[in-house]
Amino acid sequence: MFARWGFVLALALASCGQSGGDEAAAQQPRAAPGQAKAVFAGGCFWCTEADFEKVPGVVSAVSGYTGGTLANPSYKKVSAGGTGHYEAVLVTYDPRRVSYAALVRHFFRTVDPTDAGGQFCDRGDSYRTAVFVGTPAERKLAEAEKAAADRQLGGRVVTPIVAAGRFYPAEDYHQDYYKKNPVRYRYYRWRCGRDARLEQVWGKK
């Protein structure tokens, strides 16, 4: 009995997005004067958000959904498939402290860009990687960083550079998940093999 419940708990803890309900989406922040925004999809948005909020010059990172056709998506609908949405993160940053190119470079090194079917233990279209660009200048910089990553990884990068569309913030319980639920977050990240796989792909930091 206890072994079975331990197994069930492990499964629950090892999957991105297994808590909370269909709550109202968090308020989308506006970029203040002198700030800029960037959008990245890197698999489970809990991890992508945490990875970007550690970068000096990043003001905030908001988990959400983008890239699909369904208006006002929820986690339940996106994870069920068929919406076209990615789990993504909206990054607000200070360009005087960190460049867009540096953010793209950081993104590539926090994902497995050779995996077209998801990221780490999370599989399916909503967990694919992508860089969403809003201007020709962003596209040029993103393509340059992708090319550099592709050279380093032997031409195996499959992450697309795509035009940015509307970003929908995810439910409140997803925001700052790594801060609100540190033990569960660390267990999920370890159990999903994220950092172990990143070391295999990119080498030790």
N, C-alpha and C. Protein backbone atom coordinates (compact mmCIF):
# COMPACT_ATOMS: atom_id res chain seq x y z
N MET A 1 0.84 -1.21 0.00
CA MET A 1 0.00 0.00 0.00
C MET A 1 0.87 1.26 0.00
N PHE A 2 1.82 1.31 0.98
CA PHE A 2 2.67 2.51 1.05
C PHE A 2 3.55 2.64 -0.17
N ALA A 3 4.04 1.51 -0.68
CA ALA A 3 4.87 1.55 -1.88
C ALA A 3 4.08 2.07 -3.06
N ARG A 4 2.81 1.63 -3.15
CA ARG A 4 1.99 2.09 -4.27
C ARG A 4 1.75 3.58 -4.19
N TRP A 5 1.42 4.07 -2.99
CA TRP A 5 1.17 5.51 -2.85
C TRP A 5 2.44 6.31 -3.08
N GLY A 6 3.59 5.75 -2.70
CA GLY A 6 4.85 6.44 -2.97
C GLY A 6 5.10 6.56 -4.45
N PHE A 7 4.75 5.51 -5.21
CA PHE A 7 4.91 5.54 -6.66
C PHE A 7 3.99 6.58 -7.28
N VAL A 8 2.74 6.64 -6.80
CA VAL A 8 1.78 7.64 -7.31
C VAL A 8 2.28 9.04 -7.03
N LEU A 9 2.80 9.26 -5.81
CA LEU A 9 3.31 10.58 -5.46
C LEU A 9 4.48 10.97 -6.35
N ALA A 10 5.36 10.01 -6.61
CA ALA A 10 6.51 10.28 -7.47
C ALA A 10 6.07 10.69 -8.86
N LEU A 11 5.06 10.02 -9.39
CA LEU A 11 4.55 10.38 -10.72
C LEU A 11 3.99 11.79 -10.71
N ALA A 12 3.24 12.12 -9.66
CA ALA A 12 2.63 13.45 -9.58
C ALA A 12 3.69 14.52 -9.49
N LEU A 13 4.74 14.25 -8.72
CA LEU A 13 5.79 15.25 -8.54
C LEU A 13 6.69 15.39 -9.74
N ALA A 14 6.69 14.40 -10.62
CA ALA A 14 7.64 14.39 -11.73
C ALA A 14 7.04 14.86 -13.03
N SER A 15 5.92 15.55 -12.99
CA SER A 15 5.29 16.03 -14.22
C SER A 15 4.99 17.50 -14.10
N CYS A 16 5.37 18.26 -15.10
CA CYS A 16 5.13 19.70 -15.08
C CYS A 16 3.64 20.00 -15.15
N GLY A 17 3.15 20.82 -14.20
CA GLY A 17 1.77 21.28 -14.28
C GLY A 17 0.74 20.40 -13.64
N GLN A 18 1.13 19.55 -12.68
CA GLN A 18 0.17 18.61 -12.12
C GLN A 18 -0.52 19.13 -10.87
N SER A 19 -0.49 20.42 -10.60
CA SER A 19 -1.19 20.94 -9.44
C SER A 19 -2.06 22.11 -9.85
N GLY A 20 -2.98 22.47 -8.96
CA GLY A 20 -3.84 23.62 -9.23
C GLY A 20 -4.98 23.29 -10.15
N GLY A 21 -5.78 24.31 -10.45
CA GLY A 21 -6.94 24.12 -11.29
C GLY A 21 -7.00 25.12 -12.41
N ASP A 22 -8.14 25.21 -13.06
CA ASP A 22 -8.33 26.13 -14.17
C ASP A 22 -8.68 27.51 -13.62
N GLU A 23 -7.68 28.21 -13.10
CA GLU A 23 -7.90 29.51 -12.50
C GLU A 23 -7.74 30.60 -13.55
N ALA A 24 -8.13 31.83 -13.17
CA ALA A 24 -7.97 32.95 -14.08
C ALA A 24 -6.49 33.19 -14.34
N ALA A 25 -6.17 33.62 -15.55
CA ALA A 25 -4.78 33.86 -15.92
C ALA A 25 -4.21 35.02 -15.13
N ALA A 26 -2.93 34.97 -14.87
CA ALA A 26 -2.24 36.06 -14.20
C ALA A 26 -2.25 37.30 -15.09
N GLN A 27 -2.12 38.45 -14.47
CA GLN A 27 -2.10 39.70 -15.23
C GLN A 27 -0.81 39.80 -16.02
N GLN A 28 -0.91 40.10 -17.31
CA GLN A 28 0.29 40.23 -18.14
C GLN A 28 0.97 41.56 -17.87
N PRO A 29 2.26 41.55 -17.50
CA PRO A 29 2.95 42.79 -17.20
C PRO A 29 3.25 43.59 -18.45
N ARG A 30 3.28 44.89 -18.30
CA ARG A 30 3.66 45.77 -19.40
C ARG A 30 5.12 46.18 -19.21
N ALA A 31 5.82 46.29 -20.32
CA ALA A 31 7.21 46.73 -20.24
C ALA A 31 7.25 48.23 -19.95
N ALA A 32 7.99 48.61 -18.94
CA ALA A 32 8.15 50.01 -18.58
C ALA A 32 9.09 50.67 -19.58
N PRO A 33 9.10 52.00 -19.61
CA PRO A 33 10.05 52.69 -20.49
C PRO A 33 11.48 52.22 -20.23
N GLY A 34 12.21 51.94 -21.29
CA GLY A 34 13.57 51.46 -21.15
C GLY A 34 13.69 49.96 -21.02
N GLN A 35 12.54 49.27 -20.99
CA GLN A 35 12.55 47.81 -20.92
C GLN A 35 12.08 47.21 -22.23
N ALA A 36 12.36 45.93 -22.44
CA ALA A 36 11.95 45.23 -23.65
C ALA A 36 11.45 43.84 -23.27
N LYS A 37 10.82 43.17 -24.24
CA LYS A 37 10.27 41.84 -23.98
C LYS A 37 10.80 40.83 -25.00
N ALA A 38 10.84 39.59 -24.58
CA ALA A 38 11.23 38.49 -25.46
C ALA A 38 10.43 37.26 -25.03
N VAL A 39 10.14 36.37 -25.98
CA VAL A 39 9.34 35.18 -25.68
C VAL A 39 10.09 33.93 -26.13
N PHE A 40 10.16 32.95 -25.23
CA PHE A 40 10.85 31.70 -25.49
C PHE A 40 10.01 30.52 -25.01
N ALA A 41 10.04 29.43 -25.76
CA ALA A 41 9.42 28.18 -25.34
C ALA A 41 10.53 27.17 -25.11
N GLY A 42 10.62 26.66 -23.88
CA GLY A 42 11.72 25.77 -23.54
C GLY A 42 11.28 24.53 -22.79
N GLY A 43 10.11 24.00 -23.16
CA GLY A 43 9.58 22.87 -22.41
C GLY A 43 8.78 23.38 -21.23
N CYS A 44 8.83 22.66 -20.12
CA CYS A 44 8.07 23.05 -18.93
C CYS A 44 8.38 24.50 -18.55
N PHE A 45 7.33 25.32 -18.49
CA PHE A 45 7.59 26.74 -18.24
C PHE A 45 8.03 27.02 -16.81
N TRP A 46 7.79 26.11 -15.88
CA TRP A 46 8.34 26.31 -14.53
C TRP A 46 9.85 26.47 -14.61
N CYS A 47 10.50 25.60 -15.37
CA CYS A 47 11.96 25.60 -15.47
C CYS A 47 12.47 26.77 -16.31
N THR A 48 11.79 27.04 -17.42
CA THR A 48 12.22 28.14 -18.28
C THR A 48 12.14 29.46 -17.54
N GLU A 49 11.06 29.66 -16.79
CA GLU A 49 10.90 30.87 -16.00
C GLU A 49 12.03 30.98 -14.97
N ALA A 50 12.28 29.90 -14.25
CA ALA A 50 13.33 29.92 -13.23
C ALA A 50 14.70 30.21 -13.84
N ASP A 51 14.99 29.61 -14.98
CA ASP A 51 16.29 29.81 -15.62
C ASP A 51 16.49 31.26 -16.06
N PHE A 52 15.44 31.90 -16.55
CA PHE A 52 15.59 33.28 -17.02
C PHE A 52 15.62 34.28 -15.86
N GLU A 53 14.90 34.00 -14.79
CA GLU A 53 14.87 34.97 -13.69
C GLU A 53 16.21 35.03 -12.94
N LYS A 54 17.11 34.11 -13.23
CA LYS A 54 18.45 34.15 -12.64
C LYS A 54 19.41 35.03 -13.43
N VAL A 55 19.00 35.47 -14.61
CA VAL A 55 19.89 36.23 -15.49
C VAL A 55 19.93 37.70 -15.07
N PRO A 56 21.10 38.26 -14.77
CA PRO A 56 21.19 39.69 -14.47
C PRO A 56 20.65 40.53 -15.63
N GLY A 57 19.81 41.49 -15.32
CA GLY A 57 19.20 42.31 -16.35
C GLY A 57 17.79 41.90 -16.69
N VAL A 58 17.40 40.68 -16.31
CA VAL A 58 16.01 40.25 -16.50
C VAL A 58 15.17 40.80 -15.36
N VAL A 59 14.11 41.50 -15.70
CA VAL A 59 13.23 42.10 -14.71
C VAL A 59 12.21 41.09 -14.20
N SER A 60 11.63 40.33 -15.12
CA SER A 60 10.64 39.32 -14.74
C SER A 60 10.49 38.30 -15.86
N ALA A 61 9.94 37.16 -15.51
CA ALA A 61 9.59 36.13 -16.49
C ALA A 61 8.21 35.60 -16.11
N VAL A 62 7.32 35.55 -17.08
CA VAL A 62 5.94 35.13 -16.85
C VAL A 62 5.65 33.88 -17.66
N SER A 63 5.16 32.84 -17.01
CA SER A 63 4.79 31.61 -17.71
C SER A 63 3.47 31.79 -18.45
N GLY A 64 3.37 31.18 -19.63
CA GLY A 64 2.13 31.31 -20.38
C GLY A 64 2.10 30.43 -21.61
N TYR A 65 1.22 30.80 -22.53
CA TYR A 65 0.99 30.00 -23.73
C TYR A 65 1.02 30.91 -24.96
N THR A 66 1.58 30.41 -26.05
CA THR A 66 1.61 31.18 -27.29
C THR A 66 1.85 30.24 -28.46
N GLY A 67 1.61 30.76 -29.66
CA GLY A 67 1.90 30.01 -30.87
C GLY A 67 0.73 29.25 -31.46
N GLY A 68 -0.39 29.20 -30.73
CA GLY A 68 -1.54 28.43 -31.20
C GLY A 68 -2.69 29.29 -31.69
N THR A 69 -3.81 28.64 -31.90
CA THR A 69 -4.98 29.32 -32.46
C THR A 69 -6.09 29.53 -31.45
N LEU A 70 -6.07 28.83 -30.33
CA LEU A 70 -7.14 28.93 -29.34
C LEU A 70 -6.99 30.19 -28.50
N ALA A 71 -8.05 31.00 -28.45
CA ALA A 71 -8.03 32.20 -27.61
C ALA A 71 -8.23 31.81 -26.15
N ASN A 72 -7.57 32.53 -25.26
CA ASN A 72 -7.70 32.33 -23.82
C ASN A 72 -7.50 30.87 -23.41
N PRO A 73 -6.38 30.28 -23.78
CA PRO A 73 -6.15 28.87 -23.46
C PRO A 73 -5.93 28.66 -21.96
N SER A 74 -6.22 27.47 -21.50
CA SER A 74 -5.93 27.06 -20.13
C SER A 74 -4.89 25.94 -20.17
N TYR A 75 -4.29 25.67 -19.03
CA TYR A 75 -3.32 24.57 -18.97
C TYR A 75 -3.97 23.26 -19.38
N LYS A 76 -5.18 23.04 -18.90
CA LYS A 76 -5.88 21.79 -19.20
C LYS A 76 -6.06 21.61 -20.70
N LYS A 77 -6.46 22.68 -21.38
CA LYS A 77 -6.70 22.58 -22.82
C LYS A 77 -5.39 22.44 -23.60
N VAL A 78 -4.38 23.18 -23.20
CA VAL A 78 -3.10 23.11 -23.91
C VAL A 78 -2.46 21.74 -23.74
N SER A 79 -2.48 21.23 -22.52
CA SER A 79 -1.84 19.93 -22.28
C SER A 79 -2.60 18.79 -22.92
N ALA A 80 -3.89 18.99 -23.20
CA ALA A 80 -4.68 17.95 -23.87
C ALA A 80 -4.31 17.83 -25.34
N GLY A 81 -3.69 18.88 -25.91
CA GLY A 81 -3.26 18.85 -27.30
C GLY A 81 -4.28 19.46 -28.24
N GLY A 82 -3.82 19.77 -29.44
CA GLY A 82 -4.70 20.28 -30.47
C GLY A 82 -4.86 21.78 -30.53
N THR A 83 -4.28 22.52 -29.59
CA THR A 83 -4.42 23.98 -29.61
C THR A 83 -3.31 24.65 -30.41
N GLY A 84 -2.20 23.97 -30.61
CA GLY A 84 -1.05 24.56 -31.28
C GLY A 84 -0.18 25.41 -30.38
N HIS A 85 -0.62 25.60 -29.13
CA HIS A 85 0.14 26.45 -28.21
C HIS A 85 1.35 25.73 -27.63
N TYR A 86 2.37 26.52 -27.38
CA TYR A 86 3.55 26.07 -26.64
C TYR A 86 3.43 26.56 -25.20
N GLU A 87 4.02 25.84 -24.25
CA GLU A 87 4.30 26.42 -22.95
C GLU A 87 5.48 27.36 -23.18
N ALA A 88 5.33 28.61 -22.80
CA ALA A 88 6.36 29.60 -23.10
C ALA A 88 6.53 30.57 -21.94
N VAL A 89 7.51 31.43 -22.06
CA VAL A 89 7.80 32.42 -21.03
C VAL A 89 8.00 33.78 -21.68
N LEU A 90 7.33 34.78 -21.13
CA LEU A 90 7.50 36.16 -21.56
C LEU A 90 8.52 36.82 -20.64
N VAL A 91 9.66 37.19 -21.21
CA VAL A 91 10.76 37.76 -20.45
C VAL A 91 10.77 39.27 -20.63
N THR A 92 10.73 40.00 -19.53
CA THR A 92 10.91 41.45 -19.55
C THR A 92 12.32 41.74 -19.07
N TYR A 93 13.06 42.53 -19.84
CA TYR A 93 14.47 42.74 -19.51
C TYR A 93 14.90 44.18 -19.78
N ASP A 94 16.03 44.52 -19.21
CA ASP A 94 16.63 45.85 -19.38
C ASP A 94 17.75 45.73 -20.42
N PRO A 95 17.55 46.25 -21.63
CA PRO A 95 18.57 46.11 -22.69
C PRO A 95 19.90 46.78 -22.35
N ARG A 96 19.90 47.65 -21.35
CA ARG A 96 21.16 48.29 -20.95
C ARG A 96 22.02 47.32 -20.13
N ARG A 97 21.39 46.29 -19.61
CA ARG A 97 22.11 45.32 -18.76
C ARG A 97 22.31 43.96 -19.42
N VAL A 98 21.40 43.59 -20.29
CA VAL A 98 21.53 42.31 -20.99
C VAL A 98 20.95 42.47 -22.39
N SER A 99 21.65 41.98 -23.39
CA SER A 99 21.20 42.12 -24.77
C SER A 99 20.24 41.01 -25.16
N TYR A 100 19.49 41.26 -26.22
CA TYR A 100 18.59 40.23 -26.74
C TYR A 100 19.39 39.01 -27.19
N ALA A 101 20.51 39.24 -27.85
CA ALA A 101 21.35 38.13 -28.31
C ALA A 101 21.82 37.28 -27.13
N ALA A 102 22.17 37.92 -26.02
CA ALA A 102 22.61 37.18 -24.84
C ALA A 102 21.48 36.33 -24.27
N LEU A 103 20.26 36.84 -24.32
CA LEU A 103 19.11 36.07 -23.85
C LEU A 103 18.87 34.84 -24.73
N VAL A 104 18.99 35.01 -26.04
CA VAL A 104 18.81 33.87 -26.95
C VAL A 104 19.91 32.84 -26.71
N ARG A 105 21.13 33.31 -26.52
CA ARG A 105 22.25 32.40 -26.25
C ARG A 105 21.99 31.62 -24.96
N HIS A 106 21.53 32.32 -23.94
CA HIS A 106 21.20 31.67 -22.66
C HIS A 106 20.09 30.65 -22.87
N PHE A 107 19.08 31.01 -23.63
CA PHE A 107 17.97 30.09 -23.89
C PHE A 107 18.46 28.78 -24.49
N PHE A 108 19.26 28.87 -25.54
CA PHE A 108 19.71 27.65 -26.21
C PHE A 108 20.47 26.73 -25.26
N ARG A 109 21.19 27.31 -24.32
CA ARG A 109 21.99 26.49 -23.42
C ARG A 109 21.22 26.02 -22.20
N THR A 110 19.94 26.33 -22.12
CA THR A 110 19.10 25.80 -21.05
C THR A 110 18.04 24.84 -21.58
N VAL A 111 18.16 24.47 -22.86
CA VAL A 111 17.25 23.49 -23.47
C VAL A 111 18.07 22.48 -24.27
N ASP A 112 17.39 21.41 -24.70
CA ASP A 112 17.98 20.47 -25.65
C ASP A 112 17.40 20.82 -27.02
N PRO A 113 18.08 21.65 -27.80
CA PRO A 113 17.53 22.12 -29.07
C PRO A 113 17.57 21.07 -30.18
N THR A 114 18.05 19.87 -29.86
CA THR A 114 18.07 18.78 -30.85
C THR A 114 16.84 17.90 -30.75
N ASP A 115 15.96 18.18 -29.80
CA ASP A 115 14.78 17.35 -29.54
C ASP A 115 13.53 18.01 -30.12
N ALA A 116 12.93 17.39 -31.12
CA ALA A 116 11.74 17.96 -31.77
C ALA A 116 10.43 17.50 -31.14
N GLY A 117 10.50 16.57 -30.19
CA GLY A 117 9.28 15.98 -29.66
C GLY A 117 8.88 16.43 -28.28
N GLY A 118 9.56 17.42 -27.74
CA GLY A 118 9.30 17.89 -26.38
C GLY A 118 10.61 18.21 -25.71
N GLN A 119 10.61 18.23 -24.39
CA GLN A 119 11.84 18.49 -23.65
C GLN A 119 11.92 17.57 -22.45
N PHE A 120 13.02 16.80 -22.41
CA PHE A 120 13.32 15.95 -21.27
C PHE A 120 12.18 14.95 -21.04
N CYS A 121 11.59 14.88 -19.85
CA CYS A 121 10.53 13.89 -19.62
C CYS A 121 9.18 14.35 -20.14
N ASP A 122 9.05 15.61 -20.50
CA ASP A 122 7.77 16.16 -20.97
C ASP A 122 7.69 16.04 -22.49
N ARG A 123 6.74 15.26 -22.97
CA ARG A 123 6.63 15.00 -24.39
C ARG A 123 5.35 15.62 -24.95
N GLY A 124 5.37 15.93 -26.24
CA GLY A 124 4.20 16.48 -26.89
C GLY A 124 4.45 17.88 -27.42
N ASP A 125 3.53 18.33 -28.28
CA ASP A 125 3.72 19.60 -28.98
C ASP A 125 3.85 20.80 -28.05
N SER A 126 3.14 20.81 -26.94
CA SER A 126 3.17 21.98 -26.06
C SER A 126 4.52 22.15 -25.37
N TYR A 127 5.35 21.10 -25.39
CA TYR A 127 6.66 21.16 -24.75
C TYR A 127 7.80 21.34 -25.75
N ARG A 128 7.48 21.64 -27.00
CA ARG A 128 8.53 21.89 -27.99
C ARG A 128 9.25 23.20 -27.69
N THR A 129 10.43 23.35 -28.25
CA THR A 129 11.18 24.59 -28.09
C THR A 129 10.94 25.53 -29.28
N ALA A 130 11.06 26.82 -29.03
CA ALA A 130 10.95 27.83 -30.09
C ALA A 130 11.43 29.17 -29.55
N VAL A 131 11.92 30.00 -30.46
CA VAL A 131 12.22 31.40 -30.16
C VAL A 131 11.23 32.22 -30.95
N PHE A 132 10.46 33.06 -30.26
CA PHE A 132 9.44 33.89 -30.90
C PHE A 132 9.99 35.31 -31.07
N VAL A 133 10.04 35.77 -32.32
CA VAL A 133 10.65 37.08 -32.61
C VAL A 133 9.59 38.09 -33.03
N GLY A 134 9.81 39.34 -32.60
CA GLY A 134 8.82 40.37 -32.89
C GLY A 134 9.24 41.37 -33.94
N THR A 135 10.53 41.38 -34.30
CA THR A 135 11.04 42.34 -35.28
C THR A 135 12.07 41.66 -36.18
N PRO A 136 12.35 42.25 -37.35
CA PRO A 136 13.42 41.71 -38.20
C PRO A 136 14.77 41.69 -37.49
N ALA A 137 15.03 42.69 -36.66
CA ALA A 137 16.30 42.73 -35.94
C ALA A 137 16.41 41.56 -34.97
N GLU A 138 15.32 41.25 -34.27
CA GLU A 138 15.32 40.10 -33.37
C GLU A 138 15.53 38.80 -34.15
N ARG A 139 14.87 38.69 -35.28
CA ARG A 139 15.03 37.48 -36.09
C ARG A 139 16.49 37.29 -36.51
N LYS A 140 17.13 38.36 -36.95
CA LYS A 140 18.52 38.27 -37.39
C LYS A 140 19.43 37.80 -36.24
N LEU A 141 19.22 38.38 -35.06
CA LEU A 141 20.02 38.00 -33.90
C LEU A 141 19.74 36.56 -33.48
N ALA A 142 18.45 36.19 -33.48
CA ALA A 142 18.08 34.83 -33.08
C ALA A 142 18.64 33.80 -34.05
N GLU A 143 18.56 34.09 -35.33
CA GLU A 143 19.09 33.16 -36.34
C GLU A 143 20.61 33.00 -36.18
N ALA A 144 21.29 34.09 -35.85
CA ALA A 144 22.74 34.02 -35.65
C ALA A 144 23.09 33.15 -34.45
N GLU A 145 22.34 33.30 -33.36
CA GLU A 145 22.60 32.48 -32.18
C GLU A 145 22.24 31.02 -32.43
N LYS A 146 21.18 30.79 -33.19
CA LYS A 146 20.81 29.42 -33.54
C LYS A 146 21.91 28.78 -34.39
N ALA A 147 22.44 29.53 -35.34
CA ALA A 147 23.50 29.01 -36.20
C ALA A 147 24.74 28.66 -35.38
N ALA A 148 25.06 29.49 -34.38
CA ALA A 148 26.21 29.21 -33.52
C ALA A 148 25.98 27.93 -32.72
N ALA A 149 24.77 27.78 -32.19
CA ALA A 149 24.44 26.56 -31.44
C ALA A 149 24.48 25.34 -32.35
N ASP A 150 24.00 25.52 -33.57
CA ASP A 150 23.96 24.41 -34.54
C ASP A 150 25.37 23.95 -34.88
N ARG A 151 26.29 24.88 -35.04
CA ARG A 151 27.68 24.52 -35.32
C ARG A 151 28.28 23.75 -34.14
N GLN A 152 27.97 24.22 -32.95
CA GLN A 152 28.52 23.57 -31.76
C GLN A 152 27.98 22.15 -31.58
N LEU A 153 26.73 21.93 -32.00
CA LEU A 153 26.08 20.64 -31.80
C LEU A 153 26.05 19.79 -33.06
N GLY A 154 26.87 20.13 -34.02
CA GLY A 154 27.02 19.28 -35.19
C GLY A 154 25.84 19.28 -36.14
N GLY A 155 25.17 20.42 -36.26
CA GLY A 155 24.08 20.53 -37.22
C GLY A 155 22.80 19.83 -36.83
N ARG A 156 22.57 19.65 -35.53
CA ARG A 156 21.41 18.89 -35.08
C ARG A 156 20.30 19.75 -34.47
N VAL A 157 20.45 21.06 -34.48
CA VAL A 157 19.46 21.94 -33.84
C VAL A 157 18.17 21.97 -34.65
N VAL A 158 17.04 21.75 -33.99
CA VAL A 158 15.74 21.75 -34.66
C VAL A 158 14.81 22.84 -34.13
N THR A 159 15.25 23.62 -33.17
CA THR A 159 14.43 24.69 -32.60
C THR A 159 14.11 25.73 -33.67
N PRO A 160 12.83 26.03 -33.91
CA PRO A 160 12.49 27.03 -34.93
C PRO A 160 12.54 28.46 -34.40
N ILE A 161 12.77 29.39 -35.30
CA ILE A 161 12.63 30.83 -35.02
C ILE A 161 11.34 31.25 -35.71
N VAL A 162 10.35 31.66 -34.93
CA VAL A 162 9.02 31.93 -35.50
C VAL A 162 8.52 33.31 -35.09
N ALA A 163 7.59 33.83 -35.89
CA ALA A 163 7.02 35.15 -35.60
C ALA A 163 6.19 35.10 -34.32
N ALA A 164 6.38 36.10 -33.48
CA ALA A 164 5.65 36.16 -32.22
C ALA A 164 4.18 36.49 -32.48
N GLY A 165 3.32 35.86 -31.71
CA GLY A 165 1.90 36.15 -31.73
C GLY A 165 1.45 36.56 -30.34
N ARG A 166 0.17 36.45 -30.08
CA ARG A 166 -0.34 36.84 -28.77
C ARG A 166 0.14 35.87 -27.70
N PHE A 167 0.53 36.44 -26.58
CA PHE A 167 0.98 35.65 -25.43
C PHE A 167 -0.11 35.69 -24.36
N TYR A 168 -0.48 34.50 -23.89
CA TYR A 168 -1.50 34.38 -22.84
C TYR A 168 -0.84 33.93 -21.54
N PRO A 169 -0.85 34.76 -20.50
CA PRO A 169 -0.27 34.33 -19.23
C PRO A 169 -0.98 33.09 -18.69
N ALA A 170 -0.22 32.21 -18.10
CA ALA A 170 -0.78 30.99 -17.52
C ALA A 170 -1.47 31.31 -16.19
N GLU A 171 -2.12 30.30 -15.65
CA GLU A 171 -2.84 30.42 -14.39
C GLU A 171 -1.88 30.84 -13.26
N ASP A 172 -2.44 31.49 -12.25
CA ASP A 172 -1.62 32.03 -11.16
C ASP A 172 -0.73 30.99 -10.50
N TYR A 173 -1.23 29.77 -10.34
CA TYR A 173 -0.45 28.78 -9.60
C TYR A 173 0.82 28.36 -10.34
N HIS A 174 0.90 28.66 -11.63
CA HIS A 174 2.12 28.35 -12.39
C HIS A 174 3.19 29.42 -12.22
N GLN A 175 2.79 30.64 -11.88
CA GLN A 175 3.75 31.74 -11.82
C GLN A 175 4.67 31.58 -10.61
N ASP A 176 5.97 31.76 -10.85
CA ASP A 176 6.99 31.63 -9.79
C ASP A 176 6.85 30.31 -9.05
N TYR A 177 6.56 29.26 -9.80
CA TYR A 177 6.34 27.95 -9.18
C TYR A 177 7.57 27.50 -8.40
N TYR A 178 8.75 27.79 -8.93
CA TYR A 178 9.97 27.34 -8.27
C TYR A 178 10.19 28.04 -6.93
N LYS A 179 9.59 29.22 -6.75
CA LYS A 179 9.67 29.93 -5.47
C LYS A 179 8.57 29.47 -4.51
N LYS A 180 7.38 29.26 -5.03
CA LYS A 180 6.25 28.87 -4.18
C LYS A 180 6.35 27.43 -3.71
N ASN A 181 6.93 26.57 -4.54
CA ASN A 181 6.99 25.13 -4.24
C ASN A 181 8.42 24.62 -4.47
N PRO A 182 9.39 25.11 -3.70
CA PRO A 182 10.79 24.79 -4.00
C PRO A 182 11.13 23.31 -3.93
N VAL A 183 10.59 22.59 -2.96
CA VAL A 183 10.91 21.17 -2.84
C VAL A 183 10.33 20.39 -4.00
N ARG A 184 9.07 20.62 -4.29
CA ARG A 184 8.44 19.93 -5.41
C ARG A 184 9.12 20.29 -6.73
N TYR A 185 9.46 21.56 -6.89
CA TYR A 185 10.12 21.99 -8.13
C TYR A 185 11.47 21.29 -8.30
N ARG A 186 12.27 21.27 -7.25
CA ARG A 186 13.59 20.64 -7.36
C ARG A 186 13.45 19.15 -7.66
N TYR A 187 12.47 18.50 -7.03
CA TYR A 187 12.26 17.07 -7.29
C TYR A 187 11.84 16.86 -8.75
N TYR A 188 10.89 17.68 -9.21
CA TYR A 188 10.44 17.55 -10.61
C TYR A 188 11.62 17.72 -11.56
N ARG A 189 12.40 18.76 -11.34
CA ARG A 189 13.51 19.04 -12.27
C ARG A 189 14.51 17.89 -12.28
N TRP A 190 14.81 17.34 -11.11
CA TRP A 190 15.74 16.21 -11.02
C TRP A 190 15.13 14.97 -11.66
N ARG A 191 13.88 14.68 -11.30
CA ARG A 191 13.23 13.47 -11.79
C ARG A 191 13.06 13.51 -13.31
N CYS A 192 12.89 14.70 -13.86
CA CYS A 192 12.71 14.85 -15.30
C CYS A 192 14.04 14.74 -16.05
N GLY A 193 15.14 14.79 -15.34
CA GLY A 193 16.45 14.64 -15.97
C GLY A 193 16.92 15.85 -16.75
N ARG A 194 16.39 17.01 -16.42
CA ARG A 194 16.70 18.21 -17.20
C ARG A 194 18.19 18.56 -17.15
N ASP A 195 18.72 18.70 -15.96
CA ASP A 195 20.11 19.14 -15.85
C ASP A 195 21.09 18.07 -16.31
N ALA A 196 20.75 16.81 -16.08
CA ALA A 196 21.61 15.72 -16.55
C ALA A 196 21.69 15.72 -18.07
N ARG A 197 20.56 15.92 -18.73
CA ARG A 197 20.55 15.95 -20.19
C ARG A 197 21.26 17.19 -20.72
N LEU A 198 21.09 18.32 -20.06
CA LEU A 198 21.78 19.54 -20.50
C LEU A 198 23.29 19.35 -20.44
N GLU A 199 23.77 18.64 -19.44
CA GLU A 199 25.20 18.38 -19.35
C GLU A 199 25.65 17.47 -20.48
N GLN A 200 24.80 16.50 -20.86
CA GLN A 200 25.14 15.63 -21.98
C GLN A 200 25.22 16.42 -23.29
N VAL A 201 24.29 17.35 -23.47
CA VAL A 201 24.23 18.12 -24.72
C VAL A 201 25.32 19.18 -24.78
N TRP A 202 25.47 19.95 -23.70
CA TRP A 202 26.32 21.13 -23.73
C TRP A 202 27.63 20.98 -22.95
N GLY A 203 27.75 19.93 -22.17
CA GLY A 203 28.91 19.77 -21.32
C GLY A 203 28.71 20.48 -19.99
N LYS A 204 29.66 20.31 -19.09
CA LYS A 204 29.57 20.93 -17.78
C LYS A 204 29.74 22.44 -17.90
N LYS A 205 29.01 23.16 -17.02
CA LYS A 205 29.11 24.62 -17.04
C LYS A 205 30.46 25.07 -16.50
